[in-house]
C-alpha atoms as a PDB file:
ATOM      1  CA  UNK A   1     120.700  72.441  73.368  1.00  0.00           C
ATOM      2  CA  UNK A   2     119.244  70.859  76.318  1.00  0.00           C
ATOM      3  CA  UNK A   3     122.225  71.722  78.499  1.00  0.00           C
ATOM      4  CA  UNK A   4     121.629  75.433  77.495  1.00  0.00           C
ATOM      5  CA  UNK A   5     118.233  75.262  78.769  1.00  0.00           C
ATOM      6  CA  UNK A   6     118.793  74.158  81.831  1.00  0.00           C
ATOM      7  CA  UNK A   7     121.171  76.784  82.023  1.00  0.00           C
ATOM      8  CA  UNK A   8     118.763  79.557  81.096  1.00  0.00           C
ATOM      9  CA  UNK A   9     116.757  77.897  83.569  1.00  0.00           C
ATOM     10  CA  UNK A  10     118.581  78.108  86.530  1.00  0.00           C
ATOM     11  CA  UNK A  11     119.515  81.429  85.858  1.00  0.00           C
ATOM     12  CA  UNK A  12     115.663  82.501  85.616  1.00  0.00           C
ATOM     13  CA  UNK A  13     114.927  80.555  88.853  1.00  0.00           C
ATOM     14  CA  UNK A  14     117.958  82.559  90.434  1.00  0.00           C
ATOM     15  CA  UNK A  15     116.788  85.707  89.081  1.00  0.00           C
ATOM     16  CA  UNK A  16     113.742  85.548  90.271  1.00  0.00           C
ATOM     17  CA  UNK A  17     114.495  84.250  93.865  1.00  0.00           C
ATOM     18  CA  UNK A  18     116.923  87.694  94.496  1.00  0.00           C
ATOM     19  CA  UNK A  19     113.333  89.322  92.957  1.00  0.00           C
ATOM     20  CA  UNK A  20     111.313  87.673  95.610  1.00  0.00           C
ATOM     21  CA  UNK A  21     113.774  88.476  98.240  1.00  0.00           C
ATOM     22  CA  UNK A  22     114.168  92.178  97.725  1.00  0.00           C
ATOM     23  CA  UNK A  23     110.179  92.266  97.715  1.00  0.00           C
ATOM     24  CA  UNK A  24     109.995  90.452 100.967  1.00  0.00           C
ATOM     25  CA  UNK A  25     112.808  92.734 102.790  1.00  0.00           C
ATOM     26  CA  UNK A  26     110.255  95.872 101.308  1.00  0.00           C
ATOM     27  CA  UNK A  27     107.014  94.062 102.915  1.00  0.00           C
ATOM     28  CA  UNK A  28     108.406  93.680 106.097  1.00  0.00           C
ATOM     29  CA  UNK A  29     109.006  97.140 107.225  1.00  0.00           C
ATOM     30  CA  UNK A  30     105.530  97.486 106.932  1.00  0.00           C
ATOM     31  CA  UNK A  31     104.738  95.243 109.844  1.00  0.00           C
ATOM     32  CA  UNK A  32     105.188  95.981 113.613  1.00  0.00           C
ATOM     33  CA  UNK A  33     108.296  94.031 114.005  1.00  0.00           C
ATOM     34  CA  UNK A  34     110.952  95.731 114.370  1.00  0.00           C
ATOM     35  CA  UNK A  35     113.773  94.810 111.361  1.00  0.00           C
ATOM     36  CA  UNK A  36     117.675  94.256 112.363  1.00  0.00           C
ATOM     37  CA  UNK A  37     120.187  96.651 111.102  1.00  0.00           C
ATOM     38  CA  UNK A  38     116.700  98.468 110.361  1.00  0.00           C
ATOM     39  CA  UNK A  39     116.834 102.872 110.513  1.00  0.00           C
ATOM     40  CA  UNK A  40     114.194 104.318 112.150  1.00  0.00           C
ATOM     41  CA  UNK A  41     112.208 107.530 110.748  1.00  0.00           C
ATOM     42  CA  UNK A  42     110.373 110.198 112.160  1.00  0.00           C
ATOM     43  CA  UNK A  43     108.066 112.368 110.534  1.00  0.00           C
ATOM     44  CA  UNK A  44     106.891 115.623 111.681  1.00  0.00           C
ATOM     45  CA  UNK A  45     104.606 117.915 110.353  1.00  0.00           C
ATOM     46  CA  UNK A  46     100.420 118.058 109.588  1.00  0.00           C
ATOM     47  CA  UNK A  47      97.993 117.405 106.726  1.00  0.00           C
ATOM     48  CA  UNK A  48     101.088 117.061 103.902  1.00  0.00           C
ATOM     49  CA  UNK A  49     102.696 114.815 106.256  1.00  0.00           C
ATOM     50  CA  UNK A  50      99.633 112.143 107.022  1.00  0.00           C
ATOM     51  CA  UNK A  51      98.535 112.041 103.249  1.00  0.00           C
ATOM     52  CA  UNK A  52      95.063 113.459 103.784  1.00  0.00           C
ATOM     53  CA  UNK A  53      92.758 112.511 101.172  1.00  0.00           C
ATOM     54  CA  UNK A  54      95.017 109.437 100.284  1.00  0.00           C
ATOM     55  CA  UNK A  55      95.930 106.163 101.290  1.00  0.00           C
ATOM     56  CA  UNK A  56      98.834 106.423 104.177  1.00  0.00           C
ATOM     57  CA  UNK A  57     100.827 104.466 102.503  1.00  0.00           C
ATOM     58  CA  UNK A  58     100.877 106.803  99.337  1.00  0.00           C
ATOM     59  CA  UNK A  59     101.824 109.934 101.628  1.00  0.00           C
ATOM     60  CA  UNK A  60     105.861 111.054 101.065  1.00  0.00           C
ATOM     61  CA  UNK A  61     106.908 109.275 104.165  1.00  0.00           C
ATOM     62  CA  UNK A  62     105.665 105.550 103.497  1.00  0.00           C
ATOM     63  CA  UNK A  63     106.777 106.101  99.883  1.00  0.00           C
ATOM     64  CA  UNK A  64     110.150 107.544 101.024  1.00  0.00           C
ATOM     65  CA  UNK A  65     110.633 104.700 103.155  1.00  0.00           C
ATOM     66  CA  UNK A  66     109.617 102.484 100.369  1.00  0.00           C
ATOM     67  CA  UNK A  67     112.184 104.109  98.217  1.00  0.00           C
ATOM     68  CA  UNK A  68     114.674 103.479 100.346  1.00  0.00           C
ATOM     69  CA  UNK A  69     113.972  99.791 101.308  1.00  0.00           C
ATOM     70  CA  UNK A  70     114.250  99.468  97.401  1.00  0.00           C
ATOM     71  CA  UNK A  71     117.776 100.873  97.120  1.00  0.00           C
ATOM     72  CA  UNK A  72     118.773  98.601  99.722  1.00  0.00           C
ATOM     73  CA  UNK A  73     118.274 101.288 102.824  1.00  0.00           C
ATOM     74  CA  UNK A  74     116.183  99.009 105.185  1.00  0.00           C
ATOM     75  CA  UNK A  75     113.975 101.372 107.158  1.00  0.00           C
ATOM     76  CA  UNK A  76     110.890 100.266 109.184  1.00  0.00           C
ATOM     77  CA  UNK A  77     107.706 101.662 108.907  1.00  0.00           C
ATOM     78  CA  UNK A  78     107.435 105.605 109.418  1.00  0.00           C
ATOM     79  CA  UNK A  79     106.651 106.736 113.073  1.00  0.00           C
ATOM     80  CA  UNK A  80     104.257 110.116 112.076  1.00  0.00           C
ATOM     81  CA  UNK A  81     103.264 112.697 113.996  1.00  0.00           C
ATOM     82  CA  UNK A  82     100.929 115.127 112.081  1.00  0.00           C
ATOM     83  CA  UNK A  83      97.498 115.728 111.813  1.00  0.00           C
ATOM     84  CA  UNK A  84      95.299 117.404 108.987  1.00  0.00           C
ATOM     85  CA  UNK A  85      95.283 121.396 110.298  1.00  0.00           C
ATOM     86  CA  UNK A  86      98.191 121.441 112.655  1.00  0.00           C
ATOM     87  CA  UNK A  87     100.031 124.562 113.221  1.00  0.00           C
ATOM     88  CA  UNK A  88     103.463 124.801 114.718  1.00  0.00           C
ATOM     89  CA  UNK A  89     102.134 125.334 117.675  1.00  0.00           C
ATOM     90  CA  UNK A  90      99.626 122.309 117.641  1.00  0.00           C
ATOM     91  CA  UNK A  91     102.294 120.217 116.297  1.00  0.00           C
ATOM     92  CA  UNK A  92     104.596 121.579 119.658  1.00  0.00           C
ATOM     93  CA  UNK A  93     101.854 120.565 122.047  1.00  0.00           C
ATOM     94  CA  UNK A  94     101.455 117.165 120.136  1.00  0.00           C
ATOM     95  CA  UNK A  95     105.119 115.893 120.748  1.00  0.00           C
ATOM     96  CA  UNK A  96     105.209 117.019 124.282  1.00  0.00           C
ATOM     97  CA  UNK A  97     101.845 114.489 124.637  1.00  0.00           C
ATOM     98  CA  UNK A  98     103.918 112.179 122.968  1.00  0.00           C
ATOM     99  CA  UNK A  99     107.032 111.243 125.399  1.00  0.00           C
ATOM    100  CA  UNK A 100     109.125 110.161 123.285  1.00  0.00           C
ATOM    101  CA  UNK A 101     112.363 111.843 125.279  1.00  0.00           C
ATOM    102  CA  UNK A 102     113.907 108.524 125.356  1.00  0.00           C
ATOM    103  CA  UNK A 103     113.448 107.747 121.728  1.00  0.00           C
ATOM    104  CA  UNK A 104     116.205 108.511 118.912  1.00  0.00           C
ATOM    105  CA  UNK A 105     115.837 108.336 115.281  1.00  0.00           C
ATOM    106  CA  UNK A 106     118.123 107.834 112.304  1.00  0.00           C
ATOM    107  CA  UNK A 107     116.578 110.473 110.214  1.00  0.00           C
ATOM    108  CA  UNK A 108     113.633 113.169 110.892  1.00  0.00           C
ATOM    109  CA  UNK A 109     111.775 115.078 108.208  1.00  0.00           C
ATOM    110  CA  UNK A 110     109.818 118.618 109.440  1.00  0.00           C
ATOM    111  CA  UNK A 111     107.118 120.167 106.987  1.00  0.00           C
ATOM    112  CA  UNK A 112     105.203 122.736 108.890  1.00  0.00           C
ATOM    113  CA  UNK A 113     103.391 125.970 108.212  1.00  0.00           C
ATOM    114  CA  UNK A 114     101.194 126.167 105.641  1.00  0.00           C
ATOM    115  CA  UNK A 115      98.425 126.214 108.418  1.00  0.00           C
ATOM    116  CA  UNK A 116      99.837 129.321 109.994  1.00  0.00           C
ATOM    117  CA  UNK A 117      99.674 131.159 106.699  1.00  0.00           C
ATOM    118  CA  UNK A 118      96.617 129.862 105.826  1.00  0.00           C
ATOM    119  CA  UNK A 119      95.030 131.153 109.374  1.00  0.00           C
ATOM    120  CA  UNK A 120      97.298 134.382 108.743  1.00  0.00           C
ATOM    121  CA  UNK A 121      99.065 133.795 111.891  1.00  0.00           C
ATOM    122  CA  UNK A 122     102.104 135.977 112.637  1.00  0.00           C
ATOM    123  CA  UNK A 123     105.048 135.254 110.809  1.00  0.00           C
ATOM    124  CA  UNK A 124     107.630 136.254 113.806  1.00  0.00           C
ATOM    125  CA  UNK A 125     105.314 133.536 116.142  1.00  0.00           C
ATOM    126  CA  UNK A 126     105.924 131.075 113.590  1.00  0.00           C
ATOM    127  CA  UNK A 127     109.887 131.776 113.406  1.00  0.00           C
ATOM    128  CA  UNK A 128     109.858 131.132 117.043  1.00  0.00           C
ATOM    129  CA  UNK A 129     107.901 127.917 116.900  1.00  0.00           C
ATOM    130  CA  UNK A 130     109.545 126.754 113.687  1.00  0.00           C
ATOM    131  CA  UNK A 131     112.945 126.971 115.826  1.00  0.00           C
ATOM    132  CA  UNK A 132     111.896 125.291 118.888  1.00  0.00           C
ATOM    133  CA  UNK A 133     110.506 122.046 116.166  1.00  0.00           C
ATOM    134  CA  UNK A 134     113.710 122.334 114.266  1.00  0.00           C
ATOM    135  CA  UNK A 135     115.730 121.852 117.893  1.00  0.00           C
ATOM    136  CA  UNK A 136     113.222 119.197 118.293  1.00  0.00           C
ATOM    137  CA  UNK A 137     114.088 117.628 115.499  1.00  0.00           C
ATOM    138  CA  UNK A 138     117.771 117.555 116.075  1.00  0.00           C
ATOM    139  CA  UNK A 139     117.438 116.071 119.546  1.00  0.00           C
ATOM    140  CA  UNK A 140     115.091 113.233 118.079  1.00  0.00           C
ATOM    141  CA  UNK A 141     117.660 112.867 115.292  1.00  0.00           C
ATOM    142  CA  UNK A 142     120.686 112.462 117.962  1.00  0.00           C
ATOM    143  CA  UNK A 143     121.814 115.648 117.764  1.00  0.00           C
ATOM    144  CA  UNK A 144     123.067 114.509 113.994  1.00  0.00           C
ATOM    145  CA  UNK A 145     122.343 117.570 111.658  1.00  0.00           C
ATOM    146  CA  UNK A 146     122.825 115.401 108.912  1.00  0.00           C
ATOM    147  CA  UNK A 147     120.077 113.209 109.673  1.00  0.00           C
ATOM    148  CA  UNK A 148     117.240 115.883 109.608  1.00  0.00           C
ATOM    149  CA  UNK A 149     115.518 116.882 106.643  1.00  0.00           C
ATOM    150  CA  UNK A 150     113.200 120.291 106.097  1.00  0.00           C
ATOM    151  CA  UNK A 151     110.664 120.467 103.156  1.00  0.00           C
ATOM    152  CA  UNK A 152     109.142 123.706 102.483  1.00  0.00           C
ATOM    153  CA  UNK A 153     105.777 124.686 102.321  1.00  0.00           C
ATOM    154  CA  UNK A 154     104.102 123.868  99.251  1.00  0.00           C
ATOM    155  CA  UNK A 155     101.768 126.468  97.381  1.00  0.00           C
ATOM    156  CA  UNK A 156      97.938 125.628  97.847  1.00  0.00           C
ATOM    157  CA  UNK A 157      97.082 128.647  96.260  1.00  0.00           C
ATOM    158  CA  UNK A 158      96.903 126.416  92.826  1.00  0.00           C
ATOM    159  CA  UNK A 159      94.883 124.011  93.582  1.00  0.00           C
ATOM    160  CA  UNK A 160      90.844 123.449  92.377  1.00  0.00           C
ATOM    161  CA  UNK A 161      89.747 124.301  96.526  1.00  0.00           C
ATOM    162  CA  UNK A 162      91.747 127.676  96.152  1.00  0.00           C
ATOM    163  CA  UNK A 163      90.162 128.776  92.973  1.00  0.00           C
ATOM    164  CA  UNK A 164      86.393 127.647  94.011  1.00  0.00           C
ATOM    165  CA  UNK A 165      86.559 129.363  97.454  1.00  0.00           C
ATOM    166  CA  UNK A 166      87.720 132.865  95.564  1.00  0.00           C
ATOM    167  CA  UNK A 167      91.580 132.644  96.960  1.00  0.00           C
ATOM    168  CA  UNK A 168      93.798 135.095  95.048  1.00  0.00           C
ATOM    169  CA  UNK A 169      96.451 132.342  93.665  1.00  0.00           C
ATOM    170  CA  UNK A 170      98.976 135.696  93.555  1.00  0.00           C
ATOM    171  CA  UNK A 171      98.335 136.400  97.263  1.00  0.00           C
ATOM    172  CA  UNK A 172      98.972 132.836  98.082  1.00  0.00           C
ATOM    173  CA  UNK A 173     101.845 132.250  96.385  1.00  0.00           C
ATOM    174  CA  UNK A 174     103.610 135.754  98.141  1.00  0.00           C
ATOM    175  CA  UNK A 175     102.528 134.796 101.160  1.00  0.00           C
ATOM    176  CA  UNK A 176     104.079 131.351 101.200  1.00  0.00           C
ATOM    177  CA  UNK A 177     106.841 132.556 100.072  1.00  0.00           C
ATOM    178  CA  UNK A 178     107.478 134.465 102.895  1.00  0.00           C
ATOM    179  CA  UNK A 179     106.697 132.096 105.438  1.00  0.00           C
ATOM    180  CA  UNK A 180     109.325 129.399 103.205  1.00  0.00           C
ATOM    181  CA  UNK A 181     111.756 132.398 103.620  1.00  0.00           C
ATOM    182  CA  UNK A 182     111.759 132.203 107.423  1.00  0.00           C
ATOM    183  CA  UNK A 183     112.092 128.374 107.842  1.00  0.00           C
ATOM    184  CA  UNK A 184     115.166 128.159 105.032  1.00  0.00           C
ATOM    185  CA  UNK A 185     116.733 130.860 106.492  1.00  0.00           C
ATOM    186  CA  UNK A 186     116.476 128.973 110.095  1.00  0.00           C
ATOM    187  CA  UNK A 187     116.903 125.633 108.878  1.00  0.00           C
ATOM    188  CA  UNK A 188     120.609 126.544 106.804  1.00  0.00           C
ATOM    189  CA  UNK A 189     121.643 128.581 110.226  1.00  0.00           C
ATOM    190  CA  UNK A 190     121.178 125.508 112.145  1.00  0.00           C
ATOM    191  CA  UNK A 191     123.126 123.116 109.119  1.00  0.00           C
ATOM    192  CA  UNK A 192     120.233 120.970 108.457  1.00  0.00           C
ATOM    193  CA  UNK A 193     119.637 119.945 104.699  1.00  0.00           C
ATOM    194  CA  UNK A 194     116.598 122.229 103.051  1.00  0.00           C
ATOM    195  CA  UNK A 195     114.450 120.985 100.534  1.00  0.00           C
ATOM    196  CA  UNK A 196     112.191 122.884  98.392  1.00  0.00           C
ATOM    197  CA  UNK A 197     109.342 121.322  96.937  1.00  0.00           C
ATOM    198  CA  UNK A 198     107.098 124.315  96.443  1.00  0.00           C
ATOM    199  CA  UNK A 199     108.458 124.269  92.834  1.00  0.00           C
ATOM    200  CA  UNK A 200     106.965 121.090  92.347  1.00  0.00           C
ATOM    201  CA  UNK A 201     103.937 121.793  94.372  1.00  0.00           C
ATOM    202  CA  UNK A 202     102.717 124.400  91.846  1.00  0.00           C
ATOM    203  CA  UNK A 203     102.756 122.162  88.908  1.00  0.00           C
ATOM    204  CA  UNK A 204      99.200 121.628  89.947  1.00  0.00           C
ATOM    205  CA  UNK A 205      98.187 124.679  88.478  1.00  0.00           C
ATOM    206  CA  UNK A 206      98.289 123.017  85.038  1.00  0.00           C
ATOM    207  CA  UNK A 207      98.760 119.054  85.859  1.00  0.00           C
ATOM    208  CA  UNK A 208      95.337 118.322  87.590  1.00  0.00           C
ATOM    209  CA  UNK A 209      96.560 114.708  88.007  1.00  0.00           C
ATOM    210  CA  UNK A 210      98.808 116.368  91.130  1.00  0.00           C
ATOM    211  CA  UNK A 211      95.990 117.401  93.207  1.00  0.00           C
ATOM    212  CA  UNK A 212      94.084 114.285  95.238  1.00  0.00           C
ATOM    213  CA  UNK A 213      90.106 114.304  94.812  1.00  0.00           C
ATOM    214  CA  UNK A 214      89.446 116.678  97.478  1.00  0.00           C
ATOM    215  CA  UNK A 215      90.875 119.590  95.208  1.00  0.00           C
ATOM    216  CA  UNK A 216      93.243 120.781  97.963  1.00  0.00           C
ATOM    217  CA  UNK A 217      95.815 118.007  98.798  1.00  0.00           C
ATOM    218  CA  UNK A 218      98.514 116.840  96.674  1.00  0.00           C
ATOM    219  CA  UNK A 219      97.775 113.400  95.122  1.00  0.00           C
ATOM    220  CA  UNK A 220     100.276 110.447  95.403  1.00  0.00           C
ATOM    221  CA  UNK A 221     101.550 111.778  92.277  1.00  0.00           C
ATOM    222  CA  UNK A 222     102.741 114.540  93.702  1.00  0.00           C
ATOM    223  CA  UNK A 223     104.220 113.144  96.656  1.00  0.00           C
ATOM    224  CA  UNK A 224     106.336 111.293  94.275  1.00  0.00           C
ATOM    225  CA  UNK A 225     107.834 114.355  92.978  1.00  0.00           C
ATOM    226  CA  UNK A 226     108.724 115.208  96.522  1.00  0.00           C
ATOM    227  CA  UNK A 227     110.304 111.947  97.127  1.00  0.00           C
ATOM    228  CA  UNK A 228     112.175 112.319  94.212  1.00  0.00           C
ATOM    229  CA  UNK A 229     113.999 115.384  95.630  1.00  0.00           C
ATOM    230  CA  UNK A 230     114.504 113.836  99.055  1.00  0.00           C
ATOM    231  CA  UNK A 231     115.407 110.497  97.903  1.00  0.00           C
ATOM    232  CA  UNK A 232     119.317 111.713  96.688  1.00  0.00           C
ATOM    233  CA  UNK A 233     119.977 113.552  99.793  1.00  0.00           C
ATOM    234  CA  UNK A 234     118.575 111.138 102.445  1.00  0.00           C
ATOM    235  CA  UNK A 235     120.477 108.570 100.870  1.00  0.00           C
ATOM    236  CA  UNK A 236     123.710 110.158 100.777  1.00  0.00           C
ATOM    237  CA  UNK A 237     123.453 111.189 103.837  1.00  0.00           C
ATOM    238  CA  UNK A 238     121.827 108.388 106.045  1.00  0.00           C
ATOM    239  CA  UNK A 239     123.842 105.383 106.929  1.00  0.00           C
ATOM    240  CA  UNK A 240     123.737 102.718 109.129  1.00  0.00           C
END
C-alpha cells in the first residue's frame, strides 16, 4: 500500500509539473520579451480588433494567441494596429505611419469596414481600399497568403445600441451583407482564407451576454465565438 501511495504521489507531482510548465509558457507570451521559435502576429482593424469595451486580454487577437499557445503553437503578444472608429482609409494611414516596412509576421488578421458602412461611405471606395489593405496584409505575412485571415464585418444592427437609437436592424443587415459580399469576393480572389463571423454576431439579437456593457461592442463571449472559428484554420495553416 505504501509503495502504491508513493507511486501515486510521484505521478501527481509529475502531472502538476507539466501543467505548471504549460501555464508558464502561456503566460510568457504576454510580456515584451521575444520567445525562441515563437510565432509573430499582426492584427489589423478597428474597434472589433482592439476590443472596445472589454479588457485588451479579452479581445479576439489576444484570445486567439492564448488558445494557440494552449495547443502548443507559441505566439508572441499580438501587434495590433486598430482604433475605434477607423475606416479603411484611416487604417491605411495608420499603417503608413507605423513604418513597418521591414517587419514580417507569421500570421496576419484583417477585419475592417463597419465604419465605412455606418458612415454611409461608398462601396466602390471600400472595395478599392480593402484590396489595398489585403495586399498590405499579405506583404506583412511575407507574401504567404495561407498566413492571412480575413474576418467578415459583424452585424451591429442587432445590438441594444442600434435599437435605442432608432436604427432599422433589417436595413443595417442588408448593408452589412453588401459590404461583406465585397470583402469576401476580393479575399477569395486572392486565395486568402475568409472567416464568416457575421452569423455568430447576429446571435446577440437574442443572447444579451454576447454584447459588452456599452450595448454596442462584442463581449468576451462573443469574441470567443469568433476565435472558435479562427483557431482551426489558423492552427492548420500556420506552422513554425
